[in-house]
C-alpha cells in the first residue's frame, strides 16, 4: 500500500501565473539562444554585419515560433479547458 498524497487542484489564477512564468523563462532562453546563434555563425564565418543581422532575424523568427508553439500546447493541455 502506498501513501501517495492526493492530487491537489490549482486555482485558475495559479495555473495562469505558472503558464506566464514558464513562457517568460522559455521565451528569454529560446530567443536569446537563437539570436546569439545567428551572431556567432556570422562572426565565425566572417559574413559581415548585414548577413549577421539577417541570421539574427531568422533566429528571432524561429525563437518566436517556438514560444508560440509552447504556449499553444500548454493551453491545449490545461486541465481547466476541458
N, C-alpha and C. Protein backbone atom coordinates (compact mmCIF):
# COMPACT_ATOMS: atom_id res chain seq x y z
N UNK A 1 0.84 -1.17 0.00
CA UNK A 1 0.00 0.00 0.00
C UNK A 1 0.89 1.24 0.00
N UNK A 2 0.54 2.19 -0.82
CA UNK A 2 1.35 3.41 -0.90
C UNK A 2 0.64 4.55 -0.21
N UNK A 3 1.42 5.43 0.31
CA UNK A 3 0.89 6.62 0.96
C UNK A 3 1.10 7.83 0.08
N UNK A 4 0.68 7.73 -1.17
CA UNK A 4 0.84 8.82 -2.11
C UNK A 4 -0.13 9.94 -1.73
N UNK A 5 0.35 11.18 -1.80
CA UNK A 5 -0.55 12.29 -1.49
C UNK A 5 -1.62 12.44 -2.56
N UNK A 6 -2.77 12.89 -2.13
CA UNK A 6 -3.86 13.12 -3.07
C UNK A 6 -3.50 14.28 -3.99
N UNK A 7 -3.86 14.19 -5.26
CA UNK A 7 -3.55 15.29 -6.18
C UNK A 7 -4.28 16.56 -5.75
N UNK A 8 -3.57 17.67 -5.84
CA UNK A 8 -4.18 18.94 -5.48
C UNK A 8 -4.67 19.63 -6.73
N UNK A 9 -5.70 20.41 -6.57
CA UNK A 9 -6.27 21.15 -7.69
C UNK A 9 -5.85 22.61 -7.56
N UNK A 10 -5.19 23.13 -8.58
CA UNK A 10 -4.76 24.52 -8.56
C UNK A 10 -5.89 25.41 -9.03
N UNK A 11 -5.90 26.61 -8.52
CA UNK A 11 -6.88 27.59 -8.97
C UNK A 11 -6.52 28.04 -10.38
N UNK A 12 -7.49 28.56 -11.12
CA UNK A 12 -7.18 29.06 -12.47
C UNK A 12 -6.13 30.17 -12.45
N UNK A 13 -6.13 30.99 -11.40
CA UNK A 13 -5.13 32.04 -11.30
C UNK A 13 -3.73 31.45 -11.15
N UNK A 14 -3.61 30.43 -10.34
CA UNK A 14 -2.29 29.79 -10.14
C UNK A 14 -1.81 29.15 -11.43
N UNK A 15 -2.70 28.52 -12.19
CA UNK A 15 -2.30 27.92 -13.47
C UNK A 15 -1.87 29.00 -14.46
N UNK A 16 -2.58 30.13 -14.45
CA UNK A 16 -2.24 31.23 -15.35
C UNK A 16 -0.88 31.82 -15.00
N UNK A 17 -0.64 32.01 -13.72
CA UNK A 17 0.66 32.55 -13.29
C UNK A 17 1.78 31.59 -13.67
N UNK A 18 1.54 30.30 -13.49
CA UNK A 18 2.54 29.30 -13.86
C UNK A 18 2.82 29.34 -15.35
N UNK A 19 1.78 29.41 -16.17
CA UNK A 19 1.96 29.45 -17.62
C UNK A 19 2.71 30.71 -18.05
N UNK A 20 2.34 31.85 -17.49
CA UNK A 20 3.02 33.10 -17.85
C UNK A 20 4.48 33.05 -17.42
N UNK A 21 4.76 32.54 -16.23
CA UNK A 21 6.14 32.45 -15.75
C UNK A 21 6.97 31.53 -16.63
N UNK A 22 6.42 30.38 -16.97
CA UNK A 22 7.14 29.44 -17.83
C UNK A 22 7.36 30.03 -19.21
N UNK A 23 6.38 30.76 -19.73
CA UNK A 23 6.51 31.37 -21.04
C UNK A 23 7.61 32.42 -21.05
N UNK A 24 7.68 33.23 -20.00
CA UNK A 24 8.74 34.25 -19.92
C UNK A 24 10.11 33.58 -19.89
N UNK A 25 10.25 32.55 -19.08
CA UNK A 25 11.53 31.85 -18.98
C UNK A 25 11.92 31.22 -20.31
N UNK A 26 11.01 30.51 -20.93
CA UNK A 26 11.30 29.83 -22.19
C UNK A 26 11.55 30.84 -23.30
N UNK A 27 10.78 31.93 -23.33
CA UNK A 27 10.98 32.95 -24.36
C UNK A 27 12.35 33.59 -24.23
N UNK A 28 12.74 33.93 -23.02
CA UNK A 28 14.04 34.57 -22.82
C UNK A 28 15.17 33.66 -23.27
N UNK A 29 15.12 32.40 -22.90
CA UNK A 29 16.20 31.48 -23.25
C UNK A 29 16.19 31.15 -24.74
N UNK A 30 15.03 30.87 -25.29
CA UNK A 30 14.94 30.46 -26.69
C UNK A 30 15.33 31.58 -27.64
N UNK A 31 14.78 32.75 -27.42
CA UNK A 31 15.05 33.86 -28.33
C UNK A 31 16.50 34.32 -28.20
N UNK A 32 17.01 34.36 -26.98
CA UNK A 32 18.40 34.76 -26.78
C UNK A 32 19.35 33.78 -27.47
N UNK A 33 19.10 32.49 -27.29
CA UNK A 33 19.96 31.49 -27.92
C UNK A 33 19.88 31.56 -29.44
N UNK A 34 18.70 31.78 -29.98
CA UNK A 34 18.55 31.84 -31.43
C UNK A 34 19.25 33.05 -32.03
N UNK A 35 19.09 34.21 -31.39
CA UNK A 35 19.75 35.42 -31.90
C UNK A 35 21.26 35.31 -31.74
N UNK A 36 21.71 34.80 -30.59
CA UNK A 36 23.14 34.65 -30.37
C UNK A 36 23.74 33.63 -31.35
N UNK A 37 22.98 32.62 -31.69
CA UNK A 37 23.45 31.64 -32.67
C UNK A 37 23.68 32.27 -34.03
N UNK A 38 22.76 33.12 -34.46
CA UNK A 38 22.94 33.82 -35.73
C UNK A 38 24.16 34.73 -35.72
N UNK A 39 24.35 35.44 -34.61
CA UNK A 39 25.52 36.31 -34.46
C UNK A 39 26.81 35.50 -34.49
N UNK A 40 26.81 34.36 -33.78
CA UNK A 40 28.02 33.54 -33.70
C UNK A 40 28.37 32.92 -35.05
N UNK A 41 27.38 32.43 -35.76
CA UNK A 41 27.63 31.82 -37.07
C UNK A 41 28.20 32.85 -38.04
N UNK A 42 27.57 34.03 -38.06
CA UNK A 42 28.06 35.07 -38.97
C UNK A 42 29.46 35.53 -38.59
N UNK A 43 29.73 35.64 -37.31
CA UNK A 43 31.06 36.05 -36.87
C UNK A 43 32.10 34.99 -37.16
N UNK A 44 31.77 33.74 -36.95
CA UNK A 44 32.71 32.64 -37.18
C UNK A 44 33.07 32.52 -38.66
N UNK A 45 32.08 32.70 -39.50
CA UNK A 45 32.31 32.56 -40.93
C UNK A 45 32.72 33.87 -41.60
N UNK A 46 32.76 34.96 -40.83
CA UNK A 46 33.16 36.26 -41.38
C UNK A 46 32.22 36.76 -42.44
N UNK A 47 30.93 36.67 -42.20
CA UNK A 47 29.93 37.00 -43.22
C UNK A 47 29.54 38.48 -43.27
N UNK A 48 29.96 39.26 -42.31
CA UNK A 48 29.65 40.69 -42.33
C UNK A 48 28.42 41.02 -41.48
N UNK A 49 28.26 42.32 -41.30
CA UNK A 49 27.20 42.79 -40.40
C UNK A 49 25.80 42.50 -40.94
N UNK A 50 25.58 42.76 -42.22
CA UNK A 50 24.23 42.61 -42.76
C UNK A 50 23.77 41.15 -42.77
N UNK A 51 24.68 40.25 -43.06
CA UNK A 51 24.34 38.82 -43.01
C UNK A 51 24.09 38.41 -41.56
N UNK A 52 24.86 38.98 -40.64
CA UNK A 52 24.64 38.70 -39.21
C UNK A 52 23.25 39.15 -38.80
N UNK A 53 22.85 40.35 -39.24
CA UNK A 53 21.51 40.84 -38.92
C UNK A 53 20.44 39.92 -39.51
N UNK A 54 20.68 39.45 -40.72
CA UNK A 54 19.73 38.54 -41.35
C UNK A 54 19.62 37.22 -40.59
N UNK A 55 20.75 36.66 -40.20
CA UNK A 55 20.72 35.41 -39.43
C UNK A 55 20.08 35.62 -38.06
N UNK A 56 20.33 36.76 -37.44
CA UNK A 56 19.69 37.08 -36.16
C UNK A 56 18.18 37.20 -36.34
N UNK A 57 17.75 37.80 -37.44
CA UNK A 57 16.31 37.93 -37.69
C UNK A 57 15.67 36.56 -37.90
N UNK A 58 16.36 35.68 -38.61
CA UNK A 58 15.87 34.31 -38.80
C UNK A 58 15.79 33.60 -37.46
N UNK A 59 16.82 33.77 -36.64
CA UNK A 59 16.82 33.18 -35.31
C UNK A 59 15.70 33.72 -34.44
N UNK A 60 15.46 35.02 -34.54
CA UNK A 60 14.36 35.63 -33.79
C UNK A 60 13.02 35.05 -34.23
N UNK A 61 12.83 34.91 -35.53
CA UNK A 61 11.57 34.34 -36.03
C UNK A 61 11.39 32.90 -35.56
N UNK A 62 12.45 32.11 -35.61
CA UNK A 62 12.36 30.73 -35.13
C UNK A 62 12.10 30.68 -33.63
N UNK A 63 12.74 31.57 -32.88
CA UNK A 63 12.51 31.61 -31.44
C UNK A 63 11.08 32.00 -31.10
N UNK A 64 10.55 32.99 -31.79
CA UNK A 64 9.15 33.38 -31.56
C UNK A 64 8.20 32.26 -31.93
N UNK A 65 8.50 31.56 -33.03
CA UNK A 65 7.66 30.44 -33.42
C UNK A 65 7.66 29.37 -32.33
N UNK A 66 8.82 29.08 -31.77
CA UNK A 66 8.92 28.06 -30.72
C UNK A 66 8.14 28.47 -29.47
N UNK A 67 8.19 29.74 -29.12
CA UNK A 67 7.46 30.22 -27.94
C UNK A 67 5.96 30.14 -28.17
N UNK A 68 5.51 30.54 -29.35
CA UNK A 68 4.08 30.46 -29.66
C UNK A 68 3.62 29.00 -29.65
N UNK A 69 4.43 28.12 -30.20
CA UNK A 69 4.08 26.69 -30.18
C UNK A 69 3.99 26.17 -28.75
N UNK A 70 4.91 26.59 -27.88
CA UNK A 70 4.87 26.18 -26.48
C UNK A 70 3.58 26.65 -25.81
N UNK A 71 3.21 27.90 -26.02
CA UNK A 71 2.00 28.44 -25.38
C UNK A 71 0.77 27.71 -25.90
N UNK A 72 0.71 27.43 -27.18
CA UNK A 72 -0.45 26.71 -27.72
C UNK A 72 -0.59 25.32 -27.12
N UNK A 73 0.52 24.60 -27.03
CA UNK A 73 0.47 23.25 -26.45
C UNK A 73 0.13 23.31 -24.97
N UNK A 74 0.71 24.29 -24.26
CA UNK A 74 0.43 24.41 -22.84
C UNK A 74 -1.04 24.74 -22.58
N UNK A 75 -1.61 25.63 -23.37
CA UNK A 75 -3.02 25.97 -23.20
C UNK A 75 -3.92 24.80 -23.59
N UNK A 76 -3.52 24.08 -24.62
CA UNK A 76 -4.31 22.91 -25.06
C UNK A 76 -4.35 21.84 -23.98
N UNK A 77 -3.25 21.66 -23.26
CA UNK A 77 -3.18 20.62 -22.24
C UNK A 77 -3.59 21.09 -20.84
N UNK A 78 -4.08 22.31 -20.74
CA UNK A 78 -4.53 22.83 -19.45
C UNK A 78 -5.80 22.10 -19.04
N UNK A 79 -5.82 21.49 -17.85
CA UNK A 79 -7.00 20.72 -17.45
C UNK A 79 -8.26 21.55 -17.29
N UNK A 80 -8.15 22.85 -17.08
CA UNK A 80 -9.35 23.66 -16.89
C UNK A 80 -10.07 23.95 -18.20
N UNK A 81 -9.41 23.68 -19.32
CA UNK A 81 -10.04 23.96 -20.61
C UNK A 81 -10.97 22.84 -21.05
N UNK A 82 -11.01 21.76 -20.27
CA UNK A 82 -11.96 20.68 -20.52
C UNK A 82 -11.65 19.93 -21.71
